[in-house]
N, C-alpha and C. Protein backbone atom coordinates (compact mmCIF):
# COMPACT_ATOMS: atom_id res chain seq x y z
N UNK A 1 3.25 -10.39 0.35
CA UNK A 1 1.87 -10.57 0.76
C UNK A 1 1.39 -11.94 0.27
N UNK A 2 0.90 -12.74 1.21
CA UNK A 2 0.40 -14.06 0.86
C UNK A 2 -1.12 -14.07 0.88
N UNK A 3 -1.68 -14.95 0.07
CA UNK A 3 -3.12 -15.10 -0.01
C UNK A 3 -3.46 -16.58 0.16
N UNK A 4 -4.45 -16.87 1.00
CA UNK A 4 -4.90 -18.24 1.21
C UNK A 4 -6.38 -18.30 0.86
N UNK A 5 -6.82 -19.47 0.42
CA UNK A 5 -8.23 -19.68 0.06
C UNK A 5 -8.81 -20.80 0.93
N UNK A 6 -10.03 -20.58 1.38
CA UNK A 6 -10.69 -21.51 2.29
C UNK A 6 -12.13 -21.77 1.83
N UNK A 7 -12.66 -22.89 2.33
CA UNK A 7 -14.09 -23.19 2.19
C UNK A 7 -14.64 -23.41 3.59
N UNK A 8 -15.83 -22.89 3.86
CA UNK A 8 -16.46 -23.09 5.16
C UNK A 8 -17.03 -24.51 5.17
N UNK A 9 -16.49 -25.35 6.04
CA UNK A 9 -16.94 -26.74 6.13
C UNK A 9 -18.20 -26.84 6.97
N UNK A 10 -18.16 -26.22 8.15
CA UNK A 10 -19.35 -26.18 8.98
C UNK A 10 -19.28 -25.02 9.95
N UNK A 11 -20.42 -24.66 10.49
CA UNK A 11 -20.53 -23.56 11.44
C UNK A 11 -21.07 -24.14 12.74
N UNK A 12 -20.34 -23.86 13.83
CA UNK A 12 -20.72 -24.38 15.15
C UNK A 12 -20.84 -23.20 16.10
N UNK A 13 -22.03 -22.63 16.23
CA UNK A 13 -22.23 -21.50 17.12
C UNK A 13 -21.43 -20.28 16.68
N UNK A 14 -20.51 -19.85 17.53
CA UNK A 14 -19.72 -18.64 17.25
C UNK A 14 -18.45 -18.94 16.47
N UNK A 15 -18.29 -20.16 16.00
CA UNK A 15 -17.07 -20.56 15.29
C UNK A 15 -17.41 -21.26 13.97
N UNK A 16 -16.46 -21.21 13.06
CA UNK A 16 -16.60 -21.91 11.78
C UNK A 16 -15.32 -22.70 11.52
N UNK A 17 -15.47 -23.89 10.97
CA UNK A 17 -14.33 -24.70 10.55
C UNK A 17 -14.06 -24.42 9.08
N UNK A 18 -12.82 -24.03 8.79
CA UNK A 18 -12.41 -23.71 7.43
C UNK A 18 -11.40 -24.72 6.93
N UNK A 19 -11.49 -25.06 5.65
CA UNK A 19 -10.56 -25.99 5.01
C UNK A 19 -9.84 -25.25 3.89
N UNK A 20 -8.50 -25.33 3.87
CA UNK A 20 -7.72 -24.70 2.79
C UNK A 20 -8.06 -25.38 1.47
N UNK A 21 -8.23 -24.57 0.45
CA UNK A 21 -8.53 -25.11 -0.88
C UNK A 21 -7.41 -24.84 -1.88
N UNK A 22 -6.43 -24.02 -1.50
CA UNK A 22 -5.34 -23.71 -2.42
C UNK A 22 -4.17 -24.69 -2.28
N UNK A 23 -4.22 -25.54 -1.26
CA UNK A 23 -3.23 -26.60 -1.10
C UNK A 23 -3.97 -27.89 -0.73
N UNK A 24 -3.28 -29.00 -0.86
CA UNK A 24 -3.87 -30.28 -0.49
C UNK A 24 -3.68 -30.49 1.01
N UNK A 25 -4.76 -30.37 1.77
CA UNK A 25 -4.70 -30.54 3.22
C UNK A 25 -6.07 -30.94 3.74
N UNK A 26 -6.06 -31.86 4.71
CA UNK A 26 -7.31 -32.27 5.36
C UNK A 26 -7.51 -31.56 6.69
N UNK A 27 -6.54 -30.70 7.07
CA UNK A 27 -6.63 -29.98 8.33
C UNK A 27 -7.72 -28.92 8.28
N UNK A 28 -8.40 -28.73 9.40
CA UNK A 28 -9.41 -27.69 9.52
C UNK A 28 -8.89 -26.60 10.44
N UNK A 29 -9.30 -25.38 10.17
CA UNK A 29 -8.92 -24.22 10.98
C UNK A 29 -10.18 -23.69 11.64
N UNK A 30 -10.18 -23.61 12.95
CA UNK A 30 -11.32 -23.09 13.71
C UNK A 30 -11.17 -21.58 13.84
N UNK A 31 -12.15 -20.83 13.33
CA UNK A 31 -12.07 -19.37 13.31
C UNK A 31 -13.34 -18.79 13.93
N UNK A 32 -13.18 -17.77 14.76
CA UNK A 32 -14.33 -17.10 15.35
C UNK A 32 -15.14 -16.41 14.25
N UNK A 33 -16.44 -16.54 14.31
CA UNK A 33 -17.30 -15.95 13.29
C UNK A 33 -17.20 -14.43 13.27
N UNK A 34 -16.81 -13.82 14.38
CA UNK A 34 -16.64 -12.37 14.43
C UNK A 34 -15.56 -11.90 13.46
N UNK A 35 -14.64 -12.78 13.08
CA UNK A 35 -13.57 -12.43 12.15
C UNK A 35 -13.95 -12.68 10.69
N UNK A 36 -15.11 -13.30 10.48
CA UNK A 36 -15.55 -13.69 9.13
C UNK A 36 -16.69 -12.79 8.66
N UNK A 37 -16.88 -12.71 7.34
CA UNK A 37 -18.03 -11.94 6.84
C UNK A 37 -19.34 -12.51 7.41
N UNK A 38 -20.28 -11.65 7.80
CA UNK A 38 -21.51 -12.12 8.46
C UNK A 38 -22.40 -13.00 7.57
N UNK A 39 -22.28 -12.89 6.26
CA UNK A 39 -23.17 -13.63 5.37
C UNK A 39 -22.66 -15.01 4.98
N UNK A 40 -21.62 -15.53 5.66
CA UNK A 40 -21.10 -16.84 5.30
C UNK A 40 -22.12 -17.93 5.61
N UNK A 41 -21.99 -19.04 4.90
CA UNK A 41 -22.79 -20.24 5.12
C UNK A 41 -21.88 -21.42 4.83
N UNK A 42 -22.32 -22.61 5.20
CA UNK A 42 -21.54 -23.79 4.87
C UNK A 42 -21.38 -23.87 3.36
N UNK A 43 -20.15 -24.10 2.92
CA UNK A 43 -19.86 -24.15 1.49
C UNK A 43 -19.36 -22.83 0.92
N UNK A 44 -19.44 -21.75 1.69
CA UNK A 44 -18.94 -20.45 1.20
C UNK A 44 -17.44 -20.53 0.98
N UNK A 45 -16.98 -19.80 -0.03
CA UNK A 45 -15.55 -19.73 -0.33
C UNK A 45 -15.02 -18.38 0.14
N UNK A 46 -13.86 -18.42 0.80
CA UNK A 46 -13.27 -17.22 1.37
C UNK A 46 -11.84 -17.03 0.88
N UNK A 47 -11.44 -15.78 0.82
CA UNK A 47 -10.05 -15.43 0.54
C UNK A 47 -9.52 -14.74 1.79
N UNK A 48 -8.32 -15.15 2.24
CA UNK A 48 -7.68 -14.54 3.39
C UNK A 48 -6.43 -13.82 2.91
N UNK A 49 -6.44 -12.50 3.12
CA UNK A 49 -5.34 -11.67 2.65
C UNK A 49 -5.27 -10.44 3.55
N UNK A 50 -4.08 -10.01 3.89
CA UNK A 50 -3.87 -8.85 4.75
C UNK A 50 -4.66 -8.96 6.06
N UNK A 51 -4.64 -10.16 6.62
CA UNK A 51 -5.29 -10.45 7.91
C UNK A 51 -6.80 -10.24 7.90
N UNK A 52 -7.44 -10.37 6.72
CA UNK A 52 -8.89 -10.23 6.62
C UNK A 52 -9.45 -11.34 5.73
N UNK A 53 -10.64 -11.81 6.10
CA UNK A 53 -11.36 -12.79 5.31
C UNK A 53 -12.36 -12.06 4.42
N UNK A 54 -12.42 -12.46 3.15
CA UNK A 54 -13.33 -11.84 2.20
C UNK A 54 -14.12 -12.95 1.50
N UNK A 55 -15.43 -12.76 1.42
CA UNK A 55 -16.30 -13.72 0.74
C UNK A 55 -16.07 -13.62 -0.75
N UNK A 56 -15.84 -14.76 -1.38
CA UNK A 56 -15.62 -14.77 -2.84
C UNK A 56 -16.95 -15.03 -3.53
N UNK A 57 -17.11 -14.48 -4.73
CA UNK A 57 -18.32 -14.70 -5.51
C UNK A 57 -18.52 -16.16 -5.82
N UNK A 58 -19.73 -16.60 -5.73
CA UNK A 58 -20.05 -18.02 -5.98
C UNK A 58 -20.20 -18.26 -7.46
């Protein structure tokens, strides 16, 4: 089981751009907001594990 960590860079309508924070990468991942926790905002930190995104405590 792998775990990835992301930060919400920006939200564009029904999509959010996520940046990996557990590795050094400038690539962004475009994800439908329907797959993300509803309370996300720009700057939110997420954990992706078992095909689900979970909001991490700030």
